[in-house]
Amino acid sequence: MNSAESFSAGYAEARDKFREAAREAGGALDAIANPNRAPDGGDLSTDIAWFGPRAAEKVLVMVSGTHGVEGFCGSGAQIDWLRRGEAAALPKGVAALLIHAINPYGFAWLRRVTEENVDLNRNWLDFGQPLPENAGYDELADAAVPSEWTAEAQRASGAVLRDFGGRHGALALQQALSGGQYRHAKGVFYGGAGPTWARSTQEAIYARYLGQAGRIAILDYHTGLGPWGYAEPIMSDPAGSAAYRRGQDWYGCTVTTPLDGSSTSAVTAGDNLAMAPELLSHAEVTGMALEYGTEAMNAVFLALRADAWLHGYGDPLSPEGQAIKAQIRRAFYGDADDWKGMVAGQSLAATRKALAGLARG
């Protein structure tokens, strides 16, 4: 089969393909409607497909669209998995839960963030407690997302960011911009002031489908960091922890974690994989993100900044807005057959390793 055909040109096509593939594979389907609309006025929803015994104690969970526009990747991987007949080859006693477009608004609107302008992977915190500080972002906030997006404003703001990087180092700049911030609601990597719709929906799905499970493997699909098409296996657990050792045993020695500097990702506050063991405290959880490379990091950050400006100060439906949407789509979706093949192949390998790990435990 041609893996490239499992990928889609937009959210609506991806949703239709996912539901059709899940039905043909014999899955039990459900959907949770999002209260917002797509740019064309269409419906938005998170779709769920379950395979295997409902009382299964071991479950593989595949999540797409945590970061909206990155849903092109995760959706394609999920649909490819379904079309290959992998659901029919689940080990005895193991089930699979596929969550398609957990952030459907971001997928449809070509945004990394939710309808609240929140980075869902910075939103998994206890908002009743003091929120993390990010002095670096506070210093850079006006330059990260300026109120104007003229050529002059882009040059000026870029100079501020380069100066910070020159004084503190490139890694400090990446950490300041992408580690998560909770004060600047129009900024990038904003973690929010409370749980988002997407977070609450994911919590509800976990509560409904995973309460009986004792061993859970989570694969969360992401794009935008690293070399073209390479899937970096990233865990949120500390190196040396039982979960991290289990991840290395299942997936191999290429597993990384931001906590020891081995990952291309910054250390982030409020990501879903870090929260999963607490949310699913009744189970042994092995969570991993597959982070597929697309464009150079500078291009990806520029696209994110442009999109944040567009939705904070501009008109997403204007010609300028459409140009920015094309820019952010390129930054998070390698719309080429070789990239799609790399996504599908590495995902297939990861799912088989996860299922083998679950089955032998």
Protein backbone atom coordinates (compact mmCIF):
# COMPACT_ATOMS: atom_id res chain seq x y z
CA MET A 1 0.00 0.00 0.00
CA ASN A 2 1.00 3.64 -0.50
CA SER A 3 1.37 5.25 2.92
CA ALA A 4 1.17 8.74 1.41
CA GLU A 5 -2.51 8.13 0.64
CA SER A 6 -3.25 7.93 4.36
CA PHE A 7 -2.40 11.63 4.78
CA SER A 8 -4.85 14.44 4.14
CA ALA A 9 -5.00 17.98 2.81
CA GLY A 10 -6.99 19.30 5.75
CA TYR A 11 -8.87 18.50 8.95
CA ALA A 12 -12.22 17.54 7.37
CA GLU A 13 -10.61 15.07 4.97
CA ALA A 14 -8.50 13.61 7.78
CA ARG A 15 -11.57 13.10 9.96
CA ASP A 16 -13.51 11.37 7.19
CA LYS A 17 -10.56 9.09 6.37
CA PHE A 18 -10.02 8.22 10.03
CA ARG A 19 -13.64 7.31 10.69
CA GLU A 20 -13.88 5.27 7.49
CA ALA A 21 -10.65 3.39 8.22
CA ALA A 22 -11.70 2.76 11.83
CA ARG A 23 -15.09 1.38 10.76
CA GLU A 24 -13.50 -0.89 8.15
CA ALA A 25 -11.06 -2.15 10.79
CA GLY A 26 -13.96 -3.06 13.11
CA GLY A 27 -13.44 -0.33 15.68
CA ALA A 28 -16.03 1.02 18.10
CA LEU A 29 -16.35 4.70 17.21
CA ASP A 30 -17.29 7.71 19.28
CA ALA A 31 -16.99 11.47 18.87
CA ILE A 32 -16.93 14.49 21.18
CA ALA A 33 -18.10 17.71 19.50
CA ASN A 34 -16.05 20.86 19.91
CA PRO A 35 -18.23 23.99 20.34
CA ASN A 36 -16.29 25.95 17.70
CA ARG A 37 -16.47 25.86 13.91
CA ALA A 38 -13.89 25.29 11.20
CA PRO A 39 -12.90 28.21 8.94
CA ASP A 40 -15.49 27.03 6.39
CA GLY A 41 -18.18 26.74 9.07
CA GLY A 42 -17.86 22.97 9.34
CA ASP A 43 -18.17 20.88 12.49
CA LEU A 44 -15.22 20.12 14.72
CA SER A 45 -14.81 17.07 16.92
CA THR A 46 -12.36 14.73 18.57
CA ASP A 47 -12.95 11.20 17.32
CA ILE A 48 -12.23 8.01 19.26
CA ALA A 49 -11.82 4.43 18.04
CA TRP A 50 -11.45 1.39 20.30
CA PHE A 51 -10.14 -2.02 19.21
CA GLY A 52 -9.94 -5.22 21.20
CA PRO A 53 -11.63 -6.38 24.40
CA ARG A 54 -13.30 -3.56 26.28
CA ALA A 55 -12.05 -4.96 29.59
CA ALA A 56 -8.44 -5.20 28.39
CA GLU A 57 -5.90 -4.60 31.12
CA LYS A 58 -3.22 -3.60 28.59
CA VAL A 59 -3.91 -0.71 26.21
CA LEU A 60 -1.98 1.11 23.49
CA VAL A 61 -3.09 4.75 23.16
CA MET A 62 -2.30 6.76 20.00
CA VAL A 63 -2.98 10.52 20.17
CA SER A 64 -2.96 12.88 17.19
CA GLY A 65 -3.37 16.63 17.00
CA THR A 66 -2.17 17.66 20.46
CA HIS A 67 -0.66 20.61 18.66
CA GLY A 68 -3.45 21.16 16.13
CA VAL A 69 -1.61 21.68 12.84
CA GLU A 70 0.70 18.79 13.76
CA GLY A 71 -2.39 16.60 13.34
CA PHE A 72 -1.52 16.07 9.66
CA CYS A 73 1.28 13.81 10.88
CA GLY A 74 -0.50 11.93 13.66
CA SER A 75 -3.69 11.46 11.66
CA GLY A 76 -1.75 10.02 8.74
CA ALA A 77 0.10 7.64 11.05
CA GLN A 78 -3.14 6.48 12.67
CA ILE A 79 -4.91 5.95 9.35
CA ASP A 80 -1.92 4.09 7.92
CA TRP A 81 -1.92 1.82 11.00
CA LEU A 82 -5.62 1.09 10.49
CA ARG A 83 -5.35 0.48 6.75
CA ARG A 84 -2.48 -1.94 7.25
CA GLY A 85 -4.71 -4.18 9.36
CA GLU A 86 -2.67 -3.71 12.53
CA ALA A 87 -5.83 -3.60 14.67
CA ALA A 88 -6.58 -7.19 13.69
CA ALA A 89 -3.14 -8.30 14.87
CA LEU A 90 -3.31 -7.03 18.45
CA PRO A 91 -1.76 -9.45 20.95
CA LYS A 92 -4.20 -11.44 23.05
CA GLY A 93 -5.61 -9.37 25.88
CA VAL A 94 -4.30 -6.06 24.49
CA ALA A 95 -6.54 -3.27 23.20
CA ALA A 96 -5.88 -0.06 21.27
CA LEU A 97 -7.42 3.37 21.81
CA LEU A 98 -6.96 5.86 18.96
CA ILE A 99 -7.71 9.52 19.75
CA HIS A 100 -7.94 11.55 16.55
CA ALA A 101 -7.53 15.34 16.65
CA ILE A 102 -7.62 16.00 20.39
CA ASN A 103 -7.25 19.68 19.41
CA PRO A 104 -9.57 19.84 16.39
CA TYR A 105 -9.73 23.64 16.38
CA GLY A 106 -5.97 23.93 15.93
CA PHE A 107 -5.98 21.26 13.21
CA ALA A 108 -8.77 22.93 11.23
CA TRP A 109 -7.48 26.48 11.63
CA LEU A 110 -3.83 25.51 11.04
CA ARG A 111 -2.80 26.58 14.52
CA ARG A 112 -0.51 24.83 16.96
CA VAL A 113 -2.65 26.08 19.84
CA THR A 114 -6.24 25.57 20.96
CA GLU A 115 -9.17 27.95 20.55
CA GLU A 116 -7.99 29.62 23.79
CA ASN A 117 -4.54 30.32 22.19
CA VAL A 118 -3.17 27.76 24.63
CA ASP A 119 -0.38 25.31 23.94
CA LEU A 120 -2.06 22.11 25.08
CA ASN A 121 1.30 20.64 26.09
CA ARG A 122 1.80 23.50 28.56
CA ASN A 123 -1.74 23.28 29.97
CA TRP A 124 -1.50 20.15 32.15
CA LEU A 125 -0.93 21.88 35.49
CA ASP A 126 -2.79 22.33 38.75
CA PHE A 127 -4.08 25.86 38.28
CA GLY A 128 -4.90 26.06 41.96
CA GLN A 129 -1.18 26.20 42.67
CA PRO A 130 1.37 28.93 41.81
CA LEU A 131 2.23 28.72 38.12
CA PRO A 132 5.78 28.40 36.78
CA GLU A 133 7.73 31.60 36.23
CA ASN A 134 9.51 32.32 32.95
CA ALA A 135 11.57 35.47 33.35
CA GLY A 136 13.20 34.95 29.95
CA TYR A 137 9.86 35.06 28.15
CA ASP A 138 8.74 38.04 30.22
CA GLU A 139 11.78 39.91 28.91
CA LEU A 140 11.12 38.83 25.31
CA ALA A 141 7.30 38.98 25.20
CA ASP A 142 6.99 42.13 23.09
CA ALA A 143 9.56 40.85 20.62
CA ALA A 144 8.22 37.28 20.52
CA VAL A 145 4.83 38.49 19.30
CA PRO A 146 4.91 42.19 18.36
CA SER A 147 1.65 44.08 17.83
CA GLU A 148 2.64 44.76 14.21
CA TRP A 149 4.00 42.34 11.61
CA THR A 150 5.56 44.75 9.14
CA ALA A 151 9.01 44.06 7.69
CA GLU A 152 10.43 46.71 10.01
CA ALA A 153 8.74 45.18 13.07
CA GLN A 154 10.02 41.73 12.14
CA ARG A 155 13.59 43.04 11.78
CA ALA A 156 13.41 44.87 15.10
CA SER A 157 11.90 41.98 17.03
CA GLY A 158 14.31 39.52 15.43
CA ALA A 159 17.22 41.66 16.57
CA VAL A 160 15.95 41.54 20.17
CA LEU A 161 15.72 37.74 20.05
CA ARG A 162 19.18 37.39 18.50
CA ASP A 163 20.62 39.68 21.14
CA PHE A 164 19.13 37.53 23.91
CA GLY A 165 20.58 34.43 22.28
CA GLY A 166 23.95 36.10 21.93
CA ARG A 167 24.03 37.05 25.60
CA HIS A 168 22.60 33.83 27.05
CA GLY A 169 23.10 31.18 24.37
CA ALA A 170 20.83 29.48 21.83
CA LEU A 171 19.56 26.90 24.30
CA ALA A 172 18.55 29.61 26.77
CA LEU A 173 16.66 31.39 24.00
CA GLN A 174 14.84 28.18 23.06
CA GLN A 175 14.01 27.51 26.71
CA ALA A 176 12.71 31.06 27.26
CA LEU A 177 10.49 30.98 24.18
CA SER A 178 9.22 27.40 24.23
CA GLY A 179 9.44 26.18 27.83
CA GLY A 180 5.99 27.57 28.59
CA GLN A 181 4.69 30.87 29.95
CA TYR A 182 1.52 31.85 31.84
CA ARG A 183 1.35 35.65 31.72
CA HIS A 184 1.05 36.65 28.07
CA ALA A 185 -2.23 35.38 26.65
CA LYS A 186 -1.46 36.50 23.08
CA GLY A 187 2.05 35.09 23.17
CA VAL A 188 3.56 31.85 21.96
CA PHE A 189 3.72 28.73 24.13
CA TYR A 190 1.08 30.19 26.44
CA GLY A 191 -0.06 27.59 29.00
CA GLY A 192 -3.39 29.20 29.84
CA ALA A 193 -5.20 30.29 32.99
CA GLY A 194 -7.12 27.03 33.44
CA PRO A 195 -7.86 23.71 31.75
CA THR A 196 -8.76 23.99 28.06
CA TRP A 197 -11.57 22.18 26.27
CA ALA A 198 -9.00 19.82 24.74
CA ARG A 199 -7.46 18.97 28.10
CA SER A 200 -10.87 18.35 29.69
CA THR A 201 -11.84 16.19 26.71
CA GLN A 202 -8.69 14.10 26.98
CA GLU A 203 -9.24 13.64 30.71
CA ALA A 204 -12.81 12.47 30.02
CA ILE A 205 -11.62 10.00 27.36
CA TYR A 206 -9.00 8.57 29.70
CA ALA A 207 -11.55 8.23 32.51
CA ARG A 208 -14.08 6.50 30.25
CA TYR A 209 -11.75 4.12 28.42
CA LEU A 210 -8.75 3.46 30.66
CA GLY A 211 -10.17 2.98 34.15
CA GLN A 212 -9.77 -0.80 33.91
CA ALA A 213 -6.25 -0.74 32.48
CA GLY A 214 -3.19 -1.67 34.52
CA ARG A 215 -0.54 -1.19 31.82
CA ILE A 216 -0.80 1.66 29.31
CA ALA A 217 1.48 2.73 26.47
CA ILE A 218 0.92 6.21 25.03
CA LEU A 219 2.26 7.45 21.69
CA ASP A 220 1.75 11.17 21.09
CA TYR A 221 2.57 12.50 17.60
CA HIS A 222 4.43 15.79 17.10
CA THR A 223 6.32 17.70 14.42
CA GLY A 224 8.61 20.69 14.07
CA LEU A 225 11.89 19.72 15.72
CA GLY A 226 14.86 17.84 14.29
CA PRO A 227 15.98 16.59 10.87
CA TRP A 228 13.53 16.10 8.02
CA GLY A 229 11.30 13.09 8.67
CA TYR A 230 13.29 11.68 11.60
CA ALA A 231 11.11 10.68 14.56
CA GLU A 232 12.91 11.46 17.80
CA PRO A 233 11.46 9.26 20.59
CA ILE A 234 11.04 11.68 23.51
CA MET A 235 9.98 10.73 27.02
CA SER A 236 9.06 13.16 29.79
CA ASP A 237 10.46 10.86 32.49
CA PRO A 238 13.86 11.39 34.12
CA ALA A 239 16.73 9.29 32.80
CA GLY A 240 17.20 6.33 35.12
CA SER A 241 13.58 6.20 36.27
CA ALA A 242 11.67 2.95 35.95
CA ALA A 243 9.48 4.38 33.18
CA TYR A 244 12.49 5.64 31.23
CA ARG A 245 14.29 2.31 31.54
CA ARG A 246 11.13 0.61 30.34
CA GLY A 247 10.99 2.97 27.38
CA GLN A 248 14.59 2.16 26.48
CA ASP A 249 13.82 -1.55 26.78
CA TRP A 250 10.84 -1.23 24.46
CA TYR A 251 12.05 1.35 21.94
CA GLY A 252 15.84 1.21 22.12
CA CYS A 253 18.71 3.39 23.23
CA THR A 254 17.73 6.32 20.98
CA VAL A 255 15.04 7.38 23.50
CA THR A 256 15.70 10.92 24.78
CA THR A 257 14.42 13.19 27.53
CA PRO A 258 14.63 16.99 27.80
CA LEU A 259 15.44 16.57 31.48
CA ASP A 260 19.06 15.58 30.80
CA GLY A 261 19.61 17.66 27.66
CA SER A 262 19.56 14.69 25.28
CA SER A 263 16.43 15.88 23.43
CA THR A 264 15.95 18.60 20.83
CA SER A 265 12.99 19.74 22.95
CA ALA A 266 13.27 22.28 25.74
CA VAL A 267 12.20 21.33 29.25
CA THR A 268 8.49 22.11 29.27
CA ALA A 269 5.94 22.81 31.97
CA GLY A 270 2.55 21.11 31.83
CA ASP A 271 2.94 18.51 29.11
CA ASN A 272 0.44 15.68 28.89
CA LEU A 273 2.93 12.81 29.05
CA ALA A 274 4.41 14.15 32.28
CA MET A 275 0.92 14.39 33.78
CA ALA A 276 -0.30 11.01 32.49
CA PRO A 277 1.09 8.86 35.34
CA GLU A 278 -0.74 11.07 37.85
CA LEU A 279 -3.92 11.15 35.79
CA LEU A 280 -3.75 7.36 35.36
CA SER A 281 -2.35 6.63 38.81
CA HIS A 282 -4.00 3.19 38.90
CA ALA A 283 -1.79 2.01 36.01
CA GLU A 284 1.80 1.61 34.89
CA VAL A 285 2.19 4.25 32.16
CA THR A 286 4.87 4.31 29.47
CA GLY A 287 4.45 7.51 27.47
CA MET A 288 6.47 8.64 24.48
CA ALA A 289 6.26 11.44 21.94
CA LEU A 290 7.35 10.85 18.36
CA GLU A 291 8.78 14.20 17.23
CA TYR A 292 9.22 14.38 13.44
CA GLY A 293 11.50 16.99 11.91
CA THR A 294 10.28 19.39 9.24
CA GLU A 295 12.01 22.74 8.66
CA ALA A 296 14.89 24.48 10.42
CA MET A 297 14.09 25.62 13.95
CA ASN A 298 14.33 29.31 13.02
CA ALA A 299 11.71 28.87 10.29
CA VAL A 300 9.42 26.99 12.66
CA PHE A 301 9.66 29.67 15.37
CA LEU A 302 9.08 32.43 12.80
CA ALA A 303 5.91 30.68 11.59
CA LEU A 304 4.65 30.33 15.16
CA ARG A 305 5.29 33.99 15.90
CA ALA A 306 3.57 35.06 12.69
CA ASP A 307 0.52 32.94 13.46
CA ALA A 308 0.28 34.26 17.02
CA TRP A 309 0.40 37.82 15.67
CA LEU A 310 -2.21 36.96 13.05
CA HIS A 311 -4.76 35.67 15.57
CA GLY A 312 -3.90 38.27 18.19
CA TYR A 313 -3.83 41.37 15.99
CA GLY A 314 -4.59 40.48 12.36
CA ASP A 315 -7.22 38.84 10.15
CA PRO A 316 -6.75 35.08 9.60
CA LEU A 317 -9.01 35.16 6.52
CA SER A 318 -7.15 37.99 4.77
CA PRO A 319 -4.63 37.39 1.95
CA GLU A 320 -1.84 38.11 4.45
CA GLY A 321 -3.44 35.61 6.80
CA GLN A 322 -3.57 32.94 4.12
CA ALA A 323 0.12 33.43 3.39
CA ILE A 324 0.93 32.95 7.07
CA LYS A 325 -1.29 29.85 7.16
CA ALA A 326 0.71 28.38 4.27
CA GLN A 327 3.89 29.22 6.20
CA ILE A 328 2.80 27.45 9.39
CA ARG A 329 1.48 24.46 7.44
CA ARG A 330 4.95 24.01 5.88
CA ALA A 331 6.58 24.37 9.28
CA PHE A 332 4.63 21.46 10.78
CA TYR A 333 3.67 19.26 7.83
CA GLY A 334 6.22 17.78 5.45
CA ASP A 335 3.79 17.48 2.56
CA ALA A 336 6.00 15.18 0.47
CA ASP A 337 5.87 11.45 -0.15
CA ASP A 338 9.28 10.71 1.37
CA TRP A 339 8.35 12.50 4.61
CA LYS A 340 4.98 10.75 4.79
CA GLY A 341 6.65 7.39 4.25
CA MET A 342 9.13 8.10 7.05
CA VAL A 343 6.28 9.11 9.38
CA ALA A 344 4.29 5.96 8.65
CA GLY A 345 7.24 3.58 8.81
CA GLN A 346 8.67 4.86 12.07
CA SER A 347 5.21 5.01 13.61
CA LEU A 348 4.50 1.42 12.58
CA ALA A 349 7.75 0.30 14.18
CA ALA A 350 6.96 2.20 17.39
CA THR A 351 3.43 0.77 17.67
CA ARG A 352 4.69 -2.78 17.21
CA LYS A 353 7.38 -2.26 19.82
CA ALA A 354 4.82 -0.80 22.24
CA LEU A 355 2.45 -3.72 21.74
CA ALA A 356 5.28 -6.21 22.21
CA GLY A 357 6.29 -4.44 25.42
CA LEU A 358 2.74 -4.48 26.73
CA ALA A 359 2.22 -8.12 25.82
CA ARG A 360 5.31 -9.44 27.53
CA GLY A 361 4.82 -7.50 30.75
